[in-house]
Structures are given as structure tokens and as C-alpha cells.
Amino acid sequence: MVYWLIKSEEKTYSIDQMQSDTTCIWDGVRNYMARNFLRKMQVNDLCFFYHSNTKIPGIVGLVRVIESDIVDPTQFDENSPYYDPKATANHPRWYTVRVEFIDKFPQMISLGDLKQQFDPDDLLLVRRGNRLSVMPIRADIGDRILQWKISLSVS
């Protein structure tokens, strides 16, 4: 299984909105490293949904990639905050994926909890200064996070 972590500010796009929408395009990413990670995602990869820029940030749910390597339409929309005047239909600069809602965790796994369980070499999210909105998660670490979520569900 391949795992990723995708961040969204709760007030911008929350796990509750994702659950209501059931699917969405993960648009508006404007960091080249994060874009490159998005381009590596494949159908059926799992993504941990992370609320950032909140009092207590953390993993709040799970989504699955259902379509990959999509040209991000917001780069062409002059009214979008994600508009990129250098992008053209023949030479797009930004790509994304479509994801579907899988699960909302019964309890957030906070960044603080993640820092206690994983070191920066195991989980990029807990590395000091990391601000990427999309990042890979090693399979063994993703499996451990899913087991943690299961233990939260039964307690």
C-alpha cells in the first residue's frame, strides 16, 4: 500500500466538507515539491487528511486517490487565488489528483502525538521546519498510523 499525507486548513476545506462532497479535486497546490508528489500518486493510494493551521493540528481522516495526474484547472482561472499567468493549456505547470472520502477518524491524531511516536527520519511531517502540504508516508509508518486509528475506534 502507498500512503500520502495531504494538508488542508480546517476553515478552508475540512474533513467534514470532504465527507459531504464525497469526492474532490485536490487543487491549489503551489509548491513544486508538493506538486511533484501529487504527480507520483496513483489510483487507490491512500492519503491521510490532515488539518493544519489550527490550534491543534493533526490527522483527522482518510481519503483515496480515484484519479491521478489531472491538470489543475485553477491555474487558468484569472479569478482564482491559484491563478498562474505562466501556465497555458499547452504547457500547464500544476497537476493534482481527485480523491474520495473513506473515513473520518473518531479522534484526531495530533501533531504532538505523532511527534511522540515517530522521529523525523521516519515521518517527514514531524521534521522541524517542514511546511509541505503534500508528502509521502512510508508503508510501514502508514500501516502503524492506520493501526493507531483502529485502536482509537475500539477505545
C-alpha atoms as a PDB file:
ATOM      1  CA  MET A   1       0.000   0.000   0.000  1.00  0.00           C
ATOM      2  CA  VAL A   2       1.192   3.504  -0.799  1.00  0.00           C
ATOM      3  CA  TYR A   3       0.375   6.290   1.651  1.00  0.00           C
ATOM      4  CA  TRP A   4       0.459  10.062   1.452  1.00  0.00           C
ATOM      5  CA  LEU A   5      -0.431  12.936   3.729  1.00  0.00           C
ATOM      6  CA  ILE A   6      -2.399  15.904   2.403  1.00  0.00           C
ATOM      7  CA  LYS A   7      -2.937  19.057   4.435  1.00  0.00           C
ATOM      8  CA  SER A   8      -5.835  21.465   4.422  1.00  0.00           C
ATOM      9  CA  GLU A   9      -6.722  24.285   6.750  1.00  0.00           C
ATOM     10  CA  GLU A  10      -9.894  23.278   8.558  1.00  0.00           C
ATOM     11  CA  LYS A  11     -11.588  26.601   7.830  1.00  0.00           C
ATOM     12  CA  THR A  12     -10.690  26.340   4.119  1.00  0.00           C
ATOM     13  CA  TYR A  13     -11.626  22.698   3.455  1.00  0.00           C
ATOM     14  CA  SER A  14     -12.366  20.375   6.364  1.00  0.00           C
ATOM     15  CA  ILE A  15     -12.765  16.626   6.669  1.00  0.00           C
ATOM     16  CA  ASP A  16     -16.479  17.294   7.268  1.00  0.00           C
ATOM     17  CA  GLN A  17     -16.711  19.112   3.917  1.00  0.00           C
ATOM     18  CA  MET A  18     -14.780  16.271   2.275  1.00  0.00           C
ATOM     19  CA  GLN A  19     -17.236  13.782   3.763  1.00  0.00           C
ATOM     20  CA  SER A  20     -20.168  15.841   2.489  1.00  0.00           C
ATOM     21  CA  ASP A  21     -18.676  16.233  -1.004  1.00  0.00           C
ATOM     22  CA  THR A  22     -17.571  12.554  -1.135  1.00  0.00           C
ATOM     23  CA  THR A  23     -15.016  13.425  -3.880  1.00  0.00           C
ATOM     24  CA  CYS A  24     -12.956  16.474  -4.802  1.00  0.00           C
ATOM     25  CA  ILE A  25     -10.038  17.630  -6.870  1.00  0.00           C
ATOM     26  CA  TRP A  26      -7.120  18.487  -4.560  1.00  0.00           C
ATOM     27  CA  ASP A  27      -6.441  21.793  -6.296  1.00  0.00           C
ATOM     28  CA  GLY A  28      -4.477  24.905  -5.496  1.00  0.00           C
ATOM     29  CA  VAL A  29      -1.153  23.323  -4.508  1.00  0.00           C
ATOM     30  CA  ARG A  30       1.561  25.817  -5.485  1.00  0.00           C
ATOM     31  CA  ASN A  31       4.787  24.291  -4.264  1.00  0.00           C
ATOM     32  CA  TYR A  32       6.873  22.394  -6.798  1.00  0.00           C
ATOM     33  CA  MET A  33       7.926  19.601  -4.432  1.00  0.00           C
ATOM     34  CA  ALA A  34       4.310  19.070  -3.313  1.00  0.00           C
ATOM     35  CA  ARG A  35       3.208  19.157  -6.982  1.00  0.00           C
ATOM     36  CA  ASN A  36       5.792  16.504  -7.817  1.00  0.00           C
ATOM     37  CA  PHE A  37       4.451  14.318  -5.010  1.00  0.00           C
ATOM     38  CA  LEU A  38       0.917  14.784  -6.383  1.00  0.00           C
ATOM     39  CA  ARG A  39       2.166  13.627  -9.791  1.00  0.00           C
ATOM     40  CA  LYS A  40       3.524  10.420  -8.215  1.00  0.00           C
ATOM     41  CA  MET A  41       0.166   9.480  -6.690  1.00  0.00           C
ATOM     42  CA  GLN A  42      -1.661   6.569  -8.283  1.00  0.00           C
ATOM     43  CA  VAL A  43      -5.263   5.403  -8.240  1.00  0.00           C
ATOM     44  CA  ASN A  44      -6.055   3.595  -4.952  1.00  0.00           C
ATOM     45  CA  ASP A  45      -3.220   5.210  -2.987  1.00  0.00           C
ATOM     46  CA  LEU A  46      -4.429   6.232   0.481  1.00  0.00           C
ATOM     47  CA  CYS A  47      -3.992   9.768   1.838  1.00  0.00           C
ATOM     48  CA  PHE A  48      -4.172  10.800   5.452  1.00  0.00           C
ATOM     49  CA  PHE A  49      -6.232  14.006   5.667  1.00  0.00           C
ATOM     50  CA  TYR A  50      -4.509  16.500   7.958  1.00  0.00           C
ATOM     51  CA  HIS A  51      -5.938  19.715   9.416  1.00  0.00           C
ATOM     52  CA  SER A  52      -3.225  22.373   9.507  1.00  0.00           C
ATOM     53  CA  ASN A  53      -3.031  25.950  10.746  1.00  0.00           C
ATOM     54  CA  THR A  54      -5.350  25.247  13.640  1.00  0.00           C
ATOM     55  CA  LYS A  55      -4.876  25.307  17.416  1.00  0.00           C
ATOM     56  CA  ILE A  56      -4.221  21.567  17.442  1.00  0.00           C
ATOM     57  CA  PRO A  57      -3.192  20.276  14.010  1.00  0.00           C
ATOM     58  CA  GLY A  58      -3.425  16.589  13.184  1.00  0.00           C
ATOM     59  CA  ILE A  59      -4.660  13.701  11.078  1.00  0.00           C
ATOM     60  CA  VAL A  60      -8.445  13.617  11.013  1.00  0.00           C
ATOM     61  CA  GLY A  61      -9.366  11.191   8.245  1.00  0.00           C
ATOM     62  CA  LEU A  62      -8.548   9.097   5.244  1.00  0.00           C
ATOM     63  CA  VAL A  63      -9.191   9.570   1.529  1.00  0.00           C
ATOM     64  CA  ARG A  64      -8.310   7.506  -1.542  1.00  0.00           C
ATOM     65  CA  VAL A  65      -6.932   8.670  -4.879  1.00  0.00           C
ATOM     66  CA  ILE A  66      -9.501   7.879  -7.587  1.00  0.00           C
ATOM     67  CA  GLU A  67      -7.913   9.791 -10.472  1.00  0.00           C
ATOM     68  CA  SER A  68      -4.324  10.889 -10.925  1.00  0.00           C
ATOM     69  CA  ASP A  69      -2.255  13.302 -12.995  1.00  0.00           C
ATOM     70  CA  ILE A  70      -5.057  15.835 -13.516  1.00  0.00           C
ATOM     71  CA  VAL A  71      -4.202  19.286 -14.821  1.00  0.00           C
ATOM     72  CA  ASP A  72      -5.183  21.693 -12.025  1.00  0.00           C
ATOM     73  CA  PRO A  73      -7.871  23.942 -13.564  1.00  0.00           C
ATOM     74  CA  THR A  74      -7.356  26.741 -11.033  1.00  0.00           C
ATOM     75  CA  GLN A  75      -4.074  27.733 -12.693  1.00  0.00           C
ATOM     76  CA  PHE A  76      -6.040  29.038 -15.709  1.00  0.00           C
ATOM     77  CA  ASP A  77      -8.785  30.856 -13.758  1.00  0.00           C
ATOM     78  CA  GLU A  78      -7.888  34.552 -13.526  1.00  0.00           C
ATOM     79  CA  ASN A  79     -10.354  34.926 -10.630  1.00  0.00           C
ATOM     80  CA  SER A  80      -8.741  32.138  -8.602  1.00  0.00           C
ATOM     81  CA  PRO A  81      -6.153  32.842  -5.899  1.00  0.00           C
ATOM     82  CA  TYR A  82      -4.244  29.959  -7.527  1.00  0.00           C
ATOM     83  CA  TYR A  83      -4.119  31.543 -10.989  1.00  0.00           C
ATOM     84  CA  ASP A  84      -0.721  31.207 -12.674  1.00  0.00           C
ATOM     85  CA  PRO A  85      -0.209  33.581 -15.614  1.00  0.00           C
ATOM     86  CA  LYS A  86       2.758  31.481 -16.813  1.00  0.00           C
ATOM     87  CA  ALA A  87       0.604  28.351 -17.205  1.00  0.00           C
ATOM     88  CA  THR A  88      -1.006  27.630 -20.571  1.00  0.00           C
ATOM     89  CA  ALA A  89      -3.283  24.878 -21.819  1.00  0.00           C
ATOM     90  CA  ASN A  90      -0.400  23.535 -23.922  1.00  0.00           C
ATOM     91  CA  HIS A  91       2.093  23.845 -21.057  1.00  0.00           C
ATOM     92  CA  PRO A  92       0.340  23.505 -17.689  1.00  0.00           C
ATOM     93  CA  ARG A  93       2.535  23.873 -14.629  1.00  0.00           C
ATOM     94  CA  TRP A  94       0.310  22.428 -11.918  1.00  0.00           C
ATOM     95  CA  TYR A  95      -1.193  18.965 -11.575  1.00  0.00           C
ATOM     96  CA  THR A  96      -3.356  17.315  -8.988  1.00  0.00           C
ATOM     97  CA  VAL A  97      -5.479  14.287  -8.123  1.00  0.00           C
ATOM     98  CA  ARG A  98      -9.110  13.534  -7.408  1.00  0.00           C
ATOM     99  CA  VAL A  99      -9.761  11.900  -4.051  1.00  0.00           C
ATOM    100  CA  GLU A 100     -12.754  10.236  -2.443  1.00  0.00           C
ATOM    101  CA  PHE A 101     -13.724  10.245   1.208  1.00  0.00           C
ATOM    102  CA  ILE A 102     -13.036   6.977   3.045  1.00  0.00           C
ATOM    103  CA  ASP A 103     -13.213   7.692   6.755  1.00  0.00           C
ATOM    104  CA  LYS A 104     -13.293  10.379   9.417  1.00  0.00           C
ATOM    105  CA  PHE A 105     -11.219   9.335  12.410  1.00  0.00           C
ATOM    106  CA  PRO A 106     -13.135   9.034  15.698  1.00  0.00           C
ATOM    107  CA  GLN A 107     -10.437  11.181  17.268  1.00  0.00           C
ATOM    108  CA  MET A 108      -7.691  13.337  15.768  1.00  0.00           C
ATOM    109  CA  ILE A 109      -4.146  12.007  15.860  1.00  0.00           C
ATOM    110  CA  SER A 110      -2.462  15.266  16.794  1.00  0.00           C
ATOM    111  CA  LEU A 111       0.892  16.504  15.568  1.00  0.00           C
ATOM    112  CA  GLY A 112       2.076  16.302  19.175  1.00  0.00           C
ATOM    113  CA  ASP A 113       1.086  12.622  19.347  1.00  0.00           C
ATOM    114  CA  LEU A 114       2.809  11.953  16.025  1.00  0.00           C
ATOM    115  CA  LYS A 115       5.997  13.621  17.281  1.00  0.00           C
ATOM    116  CA  GLN A 116       5.976  11.312  20.309  1.00  0.00           C
ATOM    117  CA  GLN A 117       5.604   8.192  18.137  1.00  0.00           C
ATOM    118  CA  PHE A 118       7.820   8.968  15.132  1.00  0.00           C
ATOM    119  CA  ASP A 119      11.160  10.600  14.557  1.00  0.00           C
ATOM    120  CA  PRO A 120      11.845  13.000  11.665  1.00  0.00           C
ATOM    121  CA  ASP A 121      13.648  10.313   9.639  1.00  0.00           C
ATOM    122  CA  ASP A 122      10.515   8.134   9.734  1.00  0.00           C
ATOM    123  CA  LEU A 123       7.829  10.761   9.192  1.00  0.00           C
ATOM    124  CA  LEU A 124       8.568  13.920   7.202  1.00  0.00           C
ATOM    125  CA  LEU A 125       5.610  15.673   8.848  1.00  0.00           C
ATOM    126  CA  VAL A 126       7.401  15.853  12.208  1.00  0.00           C
ATOM    127  CA  ARG A 127      10.639  17.230  10.717  1.00  0.00           C
ATOM    128  CA  ARG A 128      11.369  20.709  12.055  1.00  0.00           C
ATOM    129  CA  GLY A 129      10.564  23.432   9.504  1.00  0.00           C
ATOM    130  CA  ASN A 130       8.596  21.148   7.189  1.00  0.00           C
ATOM    131  CA  ARG A 131       5.669  23.014   5.647  1.00  0.00           C
ATOM    132  CA  LEU A 132       4.852  20.837   2.645  1.00  0.00           C
ATOM    133  CA  SER A 133       1.131  20.388   2.044  1.00  0.00           C
ATOM    134  CA  VAL A 134       1.592  17.010   0.331  1.00  0.00           C
ATOM    135  CA  MET A 135       4.122  14.375   1.343  1.00  0.00           C
ATOM    136  CA  PRO A 136       4.762  10.645   1.095  1.00  0.00           C
ATOM    137  CA  ILE A 137       4.478   8.329   4.060  1.00  0.00           C
ATOM    138  CA  ARG A 138       6.419   5.071   4.138  1.00  0.00           C
ATOM    139  CA  ALA A 139       4.230   1.964   4.023  1.00  0.00           C
ATOM    140  CA  ASP A 140       5.291   0.729   7.473  1.00  0.00           C
ATOM    141  CA  ILE A 141       4.565   4.142   9.018  1.00  0.00           C
ATOM    142  CA  GLY A 142       1.200   4.376   7.223  1.00  0.00           C
ATOM    143  CA  ASP A 143       0.303   0.909   8.494  1.00  0.00           C
ATOM    144  CA  ARG A 144       1.171   1.990  12.045  1.00  0.00           C
ATOM    145  CA  ILE A 145      -0.984   5.116  11.745  1.00  0.00           C
ATOM    146  CA  LEU A 146      -3.917   3.017  10.483  1.00  0.00           C
ATOM    147  CA  GLN A 147      -3.483   0.605  13.417  1.00  0.00           C
ATOM    148  CA  TRP A 148      -3.451   3.607  15.744  1.00  0.00           C
ATOM    149  CA  LYS A 149      -6.717   4.807  14.182  1.00  0.00           C
ATOM    150  CA  ILE A 150      -8.244   1.348  14.695  1.00  0.00           C
ATOM    151  CA  SER A 151      -7.228   1.380  18.356  1.00  0.00           C
ATOM    152  CA  LEU A 152      -8.919   4.793  18.723  1.00  0.00           C
ATOM    153  CA  SER A 153     -12.101   3.324  17.230  1.00  0.00           C
ATOM    154  CA  VAL A 154     -12.363   0.500  19.758  1.00  0.00           C
ATOM    155  CA  SER A 155     -11.466   2.510  22.860  1.00  0.00           C
END
